[in-house]
């Protein structure tokens, strides 16, 4: 996987270089609000030379990550106080009376740069970040064996919080494995009992089938008996009729 794609796809790798906010000004001067700490969504879009909707869509998809890097939304009295301290906001692009305002510190702007695909400025920022990593890697230890940049970024990811989580997952899997081994004899006994139940059910099924066939045979025999009884009754009725007829004669 190319390093730039790794930055686009892996949050852990982005977190490993999120402090290098100087990369923004190295590529293009980032103009801040009067407080010197934040810029608005419009200013982010202008810096990366894209539409505001592209920035808003990106922030919506990666809201949790952006918020962890300082993006926040001002509303109500906090917004009013901020506007009074940053008069440049009161221009035609942001008319007074708006309900909220999204602010990005430098870390969040760098976060955008590492996720925004369709921006030449963002691509140049990512390239600069990777070049800095490459330069740091080939600095004082230039004579030593060099590792691929992607491997360095991966190792940095594994030594951070995600590495700790992976170790915890591995420990849990070991516990699960030992538990399954302890359960193996019990599961074997349960399996044997289930097999015995299956055999008994098969035997019961054969008995029930035989009884059903016998009942069918009995049903046919009863039908024949009923026909014979009906025949006998008819014959008896005819005989009584003949005797009555002879007596009258």
C-alpha atoms as a PDB file:
ATOM      1  CA  UNK A   1       0.000   0.000   0.000  1.00  0.00           C
ATOM      2  CA  UNK A   2       1.523   3.420  -0.959  1.00  0.00           C
ATOM      3  CA  UNK A   3       2.244   5.599   2.107  1.00  0.00           C
ATOM      4  CA  UNK A   4      -0.185   8.331   1.022  1.00  0.00           C
ATOM      5  CA  UNK A   5      -3.005   5.805   0.764  1.00  0.00           C
ATOM      6  CA  UNK A   6      -2.059   4.528   4.207  1.00  0.00           C
ATOM      7  CA  UNK A   7      -2.545   8.033   5.615  1.00  0.00           C
ATOM      8  CA  UNK A   8      -5.923   8.296   3.909  1.00  0.00           C
ATOM      9  CA  UNK A   9      -7.113   4.920   5.173  1.00  0.00           C
ATOM     10  CA  UNK A  10      -5.590   4.531   8.650  1.00  0.00           C
ATOM     11  CA  UNK A  11      -6.564   6.779  11.544  1.00  0.00           C
ATOM     12  CA  UNK A  12      -3.774   5.347  13.655  1.00  0.00           C
ATOM     13  CA  UNK A  13      -1.208   6.478  11.092  1.00  0.00           C
ATOM     14  CA  UNK A  14      -2.810   9.923  10.911  1.00  0.00           C
ATOM     15  CA  UNK A  15      -2.665  10.187  14.690  1.00  0.00           C
ATOM     16  CA  UNK A  16       1.057   9.427  14.565  1.00  0.00           C
ATOM     17  CA  UNK A  17       1.802  12.613  12.552  1.00  0.00           C
ATOM     18  CA  UNK A  18      -1.033  14.883  13.733  1.00  0.00           C
ATOM     19  CA  UNK A  19       1.373  17.093  15.700  1.00  0.00           C
ATOM     20  CA  UNK A  20       3.227  18.183  12.550  1.00  0.00           C
ATOM     21  CA  UNK A  21       0.949  21.164  11.927  1.00  0.00           C
ATOM     22  CA  UNK A  22       3.926  23.136  10.563  1.00  0.00           C
ATOM     23  CA  UNK A  23       3.380  21.209   7.329  1.00  0.00           C
ATOM     24  CA  UNK A  24       0.370  23.425   6.588  1.00  0.00           C
ATOM     25  CA  UNK A  25       2.377  26.660   6.357  1.00  0.00           C
ATOM     26  CA  UNK A  26       5.195  24.903   4.491  1.00  0.00           C
ATOM     27  CA  UNK A  27       2.797  24.175   1.642  1.00  0.00           C
ATOM     28  CA  UNK A  28       0.602  27.283   1.815  1.00  0.00           C
ATOM     29  CA  UNK A  29       0.266  30.052   4.387  1.00  0.00           C
ATOM     30  CA  UNK A  30      -2.718  29.302   6.631  1.00  0.00           C
ATOM     31  CA  UNK A  31      -4.512  32.511   7.610  1.00  0.00           C
ATOM     32  CA  UNK A  32      -6.015  32.290  11.083  1.00  0.00           C
ATOM     33  CA  UNK A  33      -8.800  34.235  12.762  1.00  0.00           C
ATOM     34  CA  UNK A  34      -7.807  37.151  15.039  1.00  0.00           C
ATOM     35  CA  UNK A  35      -7.581  34.771  18.003  1.00  0.00           C
ATOM     36  CA  UNK A  36      -4.668  33.070  16.218  1.00  0.00           C
ATOM     37  CA  UNK A  37      -6.027  29.611  17.038  1.00  0.00           C
ATOM     38  CA  UNK A  38      -8.985  28.833  14.791  1.00  0.00           C
ATOM     39  CA  UNK A  39     -10.411  29.116  11.301  1.00  0.00           C
ATOM     40  CA  UNK A  40     -13.948  28.623   9.997  1.00  0.00           C
ATOM     41  CA  UNK A  41     -15.308  26.077   7.529  1.00  0.00           C
ATOM     42  CA  UNK A  42     -15.176  28.694   4.768  1.00  0.00           C
ATOM     43  CA  UNK A  43     -11.529  29.429   5.531  1.00  0.00           C
ATOM     44  CA  UNK A  44     -10.691  25.699   5.501  1.00  0.00           C
ATOM     45  CA  UNK A  45     -12.328  25.380   2.079  1.00  0.00           C
ATOM     46  CA  UNK A  46     -10.385  28.422   0.793  1.00  0.00           C
ATOM     47  CA  UNK A  47      -7.104  27.008   2.071  1.00  0.00           C
ATOM     48  CA  UNK A  48      -7.611  23.677   0.296  1.00  0.00           C
ATOM     49  CA  UNK A  49      -9.228  25.363  -2.738  1.00  0.00           C
ATOM     50  CA  UNK A  50     -12.394  23.277  -2.589  1.00  0.00           C
ATOM     51  CA  UNK A  51     -16.062  24.016  -1.944  1.00  0.00           C
ATOM     52  CA  UNK A  52     -17.435  24.348   1.575  1.00  0.00           C
ATOM     53  CA  UNK A  53     -19.706  21.346   1.009  1.00  0.00           C
ATOM     54  CA  UNK A  54     -16.667  19.116   0.512  1.00  0.00           C
ATOM     55  CA  UNK A  55     -15.323  20.170   3.915  1.00  0.00           C
ATOM     56  CA  UNK A  56     -18.731  19.804   5.586  1.00  0.00           C
ATOM     57  CA  UNK A  57     -19.224  16.338   4.092  1.00  0.00           C
ATOM     58  CA  UNK A  58     -15.775  15.261   5.271  1.00  0.00           C
ATOM     59  CA  UNK A  59     -16.452  16.611   8.773  1.00  0.00           C
ATOM     60  CA  UNK A  60     -19.754  14.743   8.891  1.00  0.00           C
ATOM     61  CA  UNK A  61     -18.125  11.414   7.968  1.00  0.00           C
ATOM     62  CA  UNK A  62     -15.209  11.846  10.393  1.00  0.00           C
ATOM     63  CA  UNK A  63     -16.844  13.941  13.114  1.00  0.00           C
ATOM     64  CA  UNK A  64     -15.437  11.953  16.048  1.00  0.00           C
ATOM     65  CA  UNK A  65     -11.878  12.124  14.699  1.00  0.00           C
ATOM     66  CA  UNK A  66     -12.092  15.850  13.935  1.00  0.00           C
ATOM     67  CA  UNK A  67     -13.551  16.577  17.354  1.00  0.00           C
ATOM     68  CA  UNK A  68     -10.723  14.650  19.010  1.00  0.00           C
ATOM     69  CA  UNK A  69      -8.354  17.030  17.209  1.00  0.00           C
ATOM     70  CA  UNK A  70     -10.120  20.183  18.365  1.00  0.00           C
ATOM     71  CA  UNK A  71     -12.954  20.856  15.922  1.00  0.00           C
ATOM     72  CA  UNK A  72     -15.936  22.237  17.834  1.00  0.00           C
ATOM     73  CA  UNK A  73     -19.185  24.104  17.254  1.00  0.00           C
ATOM     74  CA  UNK A  74     -20.078  27.362  19.009  1.00  0.00           C
ATOM     75  CA  UNK A  75     -23.687  28.225  19.818  1.00  0.00           C
ATOM     76  CA  UNK A  76     -25.624  30.748  21.866  1.00  0.00           C
ATOM     77  CA  UNK A  77     -23.710  33.006  24.246  1.00  0.00           C
ATOM     78  CA  UNK A  78     -20.371  31.335  23.439  1.00  0.00           C
ATOM     79  CA  UNK A  79     -20.855  32.239  19.782  1.00  0.00           C
ATOM     80  CA  UNK A  80     -21.743  35.852  20.651  1.00  0.00           C
ATOM     81  CA  UNK A  81     -18.658  36.276  22.826  1.00  0.00           C
ATOM     82  CA  UNK A  82     -16.438  34.766  20.134  1.00  0.00           C
ATOM     83  CA  UNK A  83     -17.881  37.054  17.461  1.00  0.00           C
ATOM     84  CA  UNK A  84     -17.241  40.146  19.567  1.00  0.00           C
ATOM     85  CA  UNK A  85     -13.606  39.111  19.984  1.00  0.00           C
ATOM     86  CA  UNK A  86     -13.191  38.224  16.291  1.00  0.00           C
ATOM     87  CA  UNK A  87     -14.808  41.053  14.355  1.00  0.00           C
ATOM     88  CA  UNK A  88     -13.535  39.774  11.018  1.00  0.00           C
ATOM     89  CA  UNK A  89     -16.209  37.094  11.197  1.00  0.00           C
ATOM     90  CA  UNK A  90     -18.970  39.667  10.730  1.00  0.00           C
ATOM     91  CA  UNK A  91     -18.728  39.848   6.944  1.00  0.00           C
ATOM     92  CA  UNK A  92     -21.082  39.027   4.115  1.00  0.00           C
ATOM     93  CA  UNK A  93     -20.137  35.340   4.159  1.00  0.00           C
ATOM     94  CA  UNK A  94     -21.250  34.929   7.767  1.00  0.00           C
ATOM     95  CA  UNK A  95     -24.164  37.283   8.456  1.00  0.00           C
ATOM     96  CA  UNK A  96     -25.012  38.023  12.057  1.00  0.00           C
ATOM     97  CA  UNK A  97     -27.788  35.939  13.565  1.00  0.00           C
ATOM     98  CA  UNK A  98     -26.423  32.536  12.536  1.00  0.00           C
ATOM     99  CA  UNK A  99     -27.262  29.717  14.923  1.00  0.00           C
ATOM    100  CA  UNK A 100     -23.813  28.101  15.128  1.00  0.00           C
ATOM    101  CA  UNK A 101     -20.235  28.308  13.905  1.00  0.00           C
ATOM    102  CA  UNK A 102     -17.787  25.437  13.349  1.00  0.00           C
ATOM    103  CA  UNK A 103     -14.166  26.186  14.255  1.00  0.00           C
ATOM    104  CA  UNK A 104     -11.018  24.274  13.293  1.00  0.00           C
ATOM    105  CA  UNK A 105      -7.678  24.556  15.101  1.00  0.00           C
ATOM    106  CA  UNK A 106      -4.464  23.697  13.250  1.00  0.00           C
ATOM    107  CA  UNK A 107      -4.621  20.023  14.253  1.00  0.00           C
ATOM    108  CA  UNK A 108      -8.114  19.657  12.799  1.00  0.00           C
ATOM    109  CA  UNK A 109      -7.017  21.434   9.588  1.00  0.00           C
ATOM    110  CA  UNK A 110      -4.111  18.994   9.264  1.00  0.00           C
ATOM    111  CA  UNK A 111      -6.627  16.208   9.881  1.00  0.00           C
ATOM    112  CA  UNK A 112      -8.637  17.507   6.914  1.00  0.00           C
ATOM    113  CA  UNK A 113      -5.469  17.536   4.796  1.00  0.00           C
ATOM    114  CA  UNK A 114      -4.869  13.862   5.524  1.00  0.00           C
ATOM    115  CA  UNK A 115      -8.427  12.898   4.504  1.00  0.00           C
ATOM    116  CA  UNK A 116      -9.339  15.256   1.651  1.00  0.00           C
ATOM    117  CA  UNK A 117      -8.718  13.360  -1.566  1.00  0.00           C
ATOM    118  CA  UNK A 118      -9.719  15.865  -4.270  1.00  0.00           C
ATOM    119  CA  UNK A 119      -7.442  18.743  -3.311  1.00  0.00           C
ATOM    120  CA  UNK A 120      -3.967  19.437  -4.696  1.00  0.00           C
ATOM    121  CA  UNK A 121      -3.103  21.381  -1.539  1.00  0.00           C
ATOM    122  CA  UNK A 122      -4.098  18.439   0.658  1.00  0.00           C
ATOM    123  CA  UNK A 123      -2.008  16.062  -1.482  1.00  0.00           C
ATOM    124  CA  UNK A 124       0.995  18.394  -1.186  1.00  0.00           C
ATOM    125  CA  UNK A 125       0.568  18.490   2.602  1.00  0.00           C
ATOM    126  CA  UNK A 126       0.495  14.686   2.749  1.00  0.00           C
ATOM    127  CA  UNK A 127       3.573  14.505   0.511  1.00  0.00           C
ATOM    128  CA  UNK A 128       5.379  16.999   2.744  1.00  0.00           C
ATOM    129  CA  UNK A 129       4.531  14.956   5.837  1.00  0.00           C
ATOM    130  CA  UNK A 130       5.914  11.812   4.241  1.00  0.00           C
ATOM    131  CA  UNK A 131       9.032  13.645   3.062  1.00  0.00           C
ATOM    132  CA  UNK A 132       9.657  14.885   6.601  1.00  0.00           C
ATOM    133  CA  UNK A 133       9.274  11.340   7.919  1.00  0.00           C
ATOM    134  CA  UNK A 134      11.701  10.108   5.266  1.00  0.00           C
ATOM    135  CA  UNK A 135      14.213  12.852   6.139  1.00  0.00           C
ATOM    136  CA  UNK A 136      13.971  12.080   9.853  1.00  0.00           C
ATOM    137  CA  UNK A 137      14.495   8.426   9.093  1.00  0.00           C
ATOM    138  CA  UNK A 138      17.621   9.087   7.009  1.00  0.00           C
ATOM    139  CA  UNK A 139      19.067  11.735   9.353  1.00  0.00           C
ATOM    140  CA  UNK A 140      21.712  10.986  11.996  1.00  0.00           C
ATOM    141  CA  UNK A 141      21.606   7.250  11.282  1.00  0.00           C
ATOM    142  CA  UNK A 142      21.960   7.522   7.517  1.00  0.00           C
ATOM    143  CA  UNK A 143      24.539   4.755   7.474  1.00  0.00           C
ATOM    144  CA  UNK A 144      22.261   2.305   9.246  1.00  0.00           C
ATOM    145  CA  UNK A 145      19.875  -0.060   7.542  1.00  0.00           C
ATOM    146  CA  UNK A 146      16.806   1.863   6.397  1.00  0.00           C
ATOM    147  CA  UNK A 147      13.272   0.616   6.884  1.00  0.00           C
ATOM    148  CA  UNK A 148      10.435   1.393   4.439  1.00  0.00           C
ATOM    149  CA  UNK A 149       8.436   4.446   5.446  1.00  0.00           C
ATOM    150  CA  UNK A 150       5.221   2.418   5.560  1.00  0.00           C
ATOM    151  CA  UNK A 151       6.842  -0.007   8.001  1.00  0.00           C
ATOM    152  CA  UNK A 152       7.951   2.889  10.208  1.00  0.00           C
ATOM    153  CA  UNK A 153       4.444   4.323  10.262  1.00  0.00           C
ATOM    154  CA  UNK A 154       3.007   0.885  11.019  1.00  0.00           C
ATOM    155  CA  UNK A 155       5.433   0.334  13.889  1.00  0.00           C
ATOM    156  CA  UNK A 156       4.571   3.752  15.276  1.00  0.00           C
ATOM    157  CA  UNK A 157       0.887   2.827  15.083  1.00  0.00           C
ATOM    158  CA  UNK A 158       1.515  -0.440  16.946  1.00  0.00           C
ATOM    159  CA  UNK A 159       3.422   1.304  19.728  1.00  0.00           C
ATOM    160  CA  UNK A 160       0.495   3.667  20.345  1.00  0.00           C
ATOM    161  CA  UNK A 161      -2.988   3.099  21.762  1.00  0.00           C
ATOM    162  CA  UNK A 162      -3.953   0.685  19.016  1.00  0.00           C
ATOM    163  CA  UNK A 163      -1.005  -1.544  19.938  1.00  0.00           C
ATOM    164  CA  UNK A 164      -2.212  -1.627  23.521  1.00  0.00           C
ATOM    165  CA  UNK A 165      -5.690  -2.585  22.342  1.00  0.00           C
ATOM    166  CA  UNK A 166      -4.276  -5.363  20.156  1.00  0.00           C
ATOM    167  CA  UNK A 167      -2.346  -6.767  23.114  1.00  0.00           C
ATOM    168  CA  UNK A 168      -5.544  -6.720  25.200  1.00  0.00           C
ATOM    169  CA  UNK A 169      -7.424  -8.530  22.420  1.00  0.00           C
ATOM    170  CA  UNK A 170      -4.661 -11.155  22.171  1.00  0.00           C
ATOM    171  CA  UNK A 171      -4.810 -11.701  25.947  1.00  0.00           C
ATOM    172  CA  UNK A 172      -8.584 -12.154  25.764  1.00  0.00           C
ATOM    173  CA  UNK A 173      -8.201 -14.648  22.917  1.00  0.00           C
ATOM    174  CA  UNK A 174      -5.714 -16.649  25.009  1.00  0.00           C
ATOM    175  CA  UNK A 175      -8.254 -16.762  27.849  1.00  0.00           C
ATOM    176  CA  UNK A 176     -10.936 -17.883  25.415  1.00  0.00           C
ATOM    177  CA  UNK A 177      -8.648 -20.636  24.109  1.00  0.00           C
ATOM    178  CA  UNK A 178      -7.917 -21.988  27.586  1.00  0.00           C
ATOM    179  CA  UNK A 179     -11.616 -21.861  28.459  1.00  0.00           C
ATOM    180  CA  UNK A 180     -12.506 -23.805  25.327  1.00  0.00           C
ATOM    181  CA  UNK A 181      -9.904 -26.423  26.176  1.00  0.00           C
ATOM    182  CA  UNK A 182     -11.421 -26.798  29.653  1.00  0.00           C
ATOM    183  CA  UNK A 183     -14.885 -27.129  28.147  1.00  0.00           C
ATOM    184  CA  UNK A 184     -13.808 -29.755  25.604  1.00  0.00           C
ATOM    185  CA  UNK A 185     -14.508 -32.836  27.829  1.00  0.00           C
ATOM    186  CA  UNK A 186     -17.903 -31.470  28.858  1.00  0.00           C
ATOM    187  CA  UNK A 187     -18.768 -30.704  25.237  1.00  0.00           C
ATOM    188  CA  UNK A 188     -17.751 -34.261  24.276  1.00  0.00           C
ATOM    189  CA  UNK A 189     -20.090 -35.706  26.930  1.00  0.00           C
ATOM    190  CA  UNK A 190     -22.918 -33.446  25.772  1.00  0.00           C
ATOM    191  CA  UNK A 191     -22.285 -34.511  22.170  1.00  0.00           C
ATOM    192  CA  UNK A 192     -22.415 -38.200  23.182  1.00  0.00           C
ATOM    193  CA  UNK A 193     -25.702 -37.660  25.039  1.00  0.00           C
ATOM    194  CA  UNK A 194     -27.157 -35.867  22.047  1.00  0.00           C
ATOM    195  CA  UNK A 195     -26.124 -38.748  19.800  1.00  0.00           C
ATOM    196  CA  UNK A 196     -27.896 -41.167  22.173  1.00  0.00           C
ATOM    197  CA  UNK A 197     -31.021 -39.015  22.098  1.00  0.00           C
ATOM    198  CA  UNK A 198     -30.906 -39.008  18.295  1.00  0.00           C
ATOM    199  CA  UNK A 199     -30.749 -42.812  18.252  1.00  0.00           C
ATOM    200  CA  UNK A 200     -33.671 -43.084  20.679  1.00  0.00           C
ATOM    201  CA  UNK A 201     -35.691 -40.627  18.647  1.00  0.00           C
ATOM    202  CA  UNK A 202     -35.001 -42.654  15.519  1.00  0.00           C
ATOM    203  CA  UNK A 203     -36.226 -45.803  17.305  1.00  0.00           C
ATOM    204  CA  UNK A 204     -39.364 -44.026  18.518  1.00  0.00           C
ATOM    205  CA  UNK A 205     -39.922 -42.772  15.011  1.00  0.00           C
ATOM    206  CA  UNK A 206     -39.782 -46.288  13.608  1.00  0.00           C
ATOM    207  CA  UNK A 207     -42.246 -47.514  16.267  1.00  0.00           C
ATOM    208  CA  UNK A 208     -44.643 -44.664  15.496  1.00  0.00           C
ATOM    209  CA  UNK A 209     -44.431 -45.416  11.758  1.00  0.00           C
ATOM    210  CA  UNK A 210     -45.211 -49.084  12.411  1.00  0.00           C
ATOM    211  CA  UNK A 211     -48.173 -48.151  14.634  1.00  0.00           C
ATOM    212  CA  UNK A 212     -49.425 -45.754  11.983  1.00  0.00           C
ATOM    213  CA  UNK A 213     -49.259 -48.471   9.335  1.00  0.00           C
ATOM    214  CA  UNK A 214     -51.100 -50.891  11.680  1.00  0.00           C
ATOM    215  CA  UNK A 215     -53.794 -48.327  12.367  1.00  0.00           C
ATOM    216  CA  UNK A 216     -54.250 -47.847   8.633  1.00  0.00           C
ATOM    217  CA  UNK A 217     -54.662 -51.597   8.230  1.00  0.00           C
ATOM    218  CA  UNK A 218     -57.185 -51.648  11.079  1.00  0.00           C
ATOM    219  CA  UNK A 219     -59.078 -48.841   9.424  1.00  0.00           C
ATOM    220  CA  UNK A 220     -59.369 -50.832   6.206  1.00  0.00           C
ATOM    221  CA  UNK A 221     -60.507 -53.917   8.195  1.00  0.00           C
ATOM    222  CA  UNK A 222     -63.196 -51.863   9.966  1.00  0.00           C
ATOM    223  CA  UNK A 223     -64.430 -50.574   6.632  1.00  0.00           C
ATOM    224  CA  UNK A 224     -64.806 -54.096   5.321  1.00  0.00           C
ATOM    225  CA  UNK A 225     -66.614 -55.161   8.545  1.00  0.00           C
ATOM    226  CA  UNK A 226     -69.040 -52.268   8.172  1.00  0.00           C
ATOM    227  CA  UNK A 227     -69.758 -53.272   4.562  1.00  0.00           C
ATOM    228  CA  UNK A 228     -70.380 -56.890   5.641  1.00  0.00           C
ATOM    229  CA  UNK A 229     -72.732 -55.756   8.432  1.00  0.00           C
ATOM    230  CA  UNK A 230     -74.614 -53.547   6.022  1.00  0.00           C
ATOM    231  CA  UNK A 231     -74.951 -56.451   3.585  1.00  0.00           C
ATOM    232  CA  UNK A 232     -76.251 -58.740   6.316  1.00  0.00           C
ATOM    233  CA  UNK A 233     -78.764 -56.128   7.474  1.00  0.00           C
ATOM    234  CA  UNK A 234     -80.042 -55.697   3.928  1.00  0.00           C
ATOM    235  CA  UNK A 235     -80.356 -59.440   3.428  1.00  0.00           C
ATOM    236  CA  UNK A 236     -82.238 -59.798   6.755  1.00  0.00           C
ATOM    237  CA  UNK A 237     -84.578 -56.988   5.742  1.00  0.00           C
ATOM    238  CA  UNK A 238     -85.344 -58.683   2.417  1.00  0.00           C
ATOM    239  CA  UNK A 239     -86.094 -61.990   4.173  1.00  0.00           C
ATOM    240  CA  UNK A 240     -88.477 -60.319   6.619  1.00  0.00           C
ATOM    241  CA  UNK A 241     -90.224 -58.658   3.728  1.00  0.00           C
ATOM    242  CA  UNK A 242     -90.712 -62.014   1.924  1.00  0.00           C
ATOM    243  CA  UNK A 243     -92.076 -63.694   5.074  1.00  0.00           C
ATOM    244  CA  UNK A 244     -94.557 -60.866   5.603  1.00  0.00           C
ATOM    245  CA  UNK A 245     -95.644 -61.144   1.984  1.00  0.00           C
ATOM    246  CA  UNK A 246     -96.255 -64.962   2.248  1.00  0.00           C
ATOM    247  CA  UNK A 247     -98.321 -64.538   5.395  1.00  0.00           C
ATOM    248  CA  UNK A 248    -100.589 -62.002   3.721  1.00  0.00           C
ATOM    249  CA  UNK A 249    -101.007 -64.290   0.774  1.00  0.00           C
END
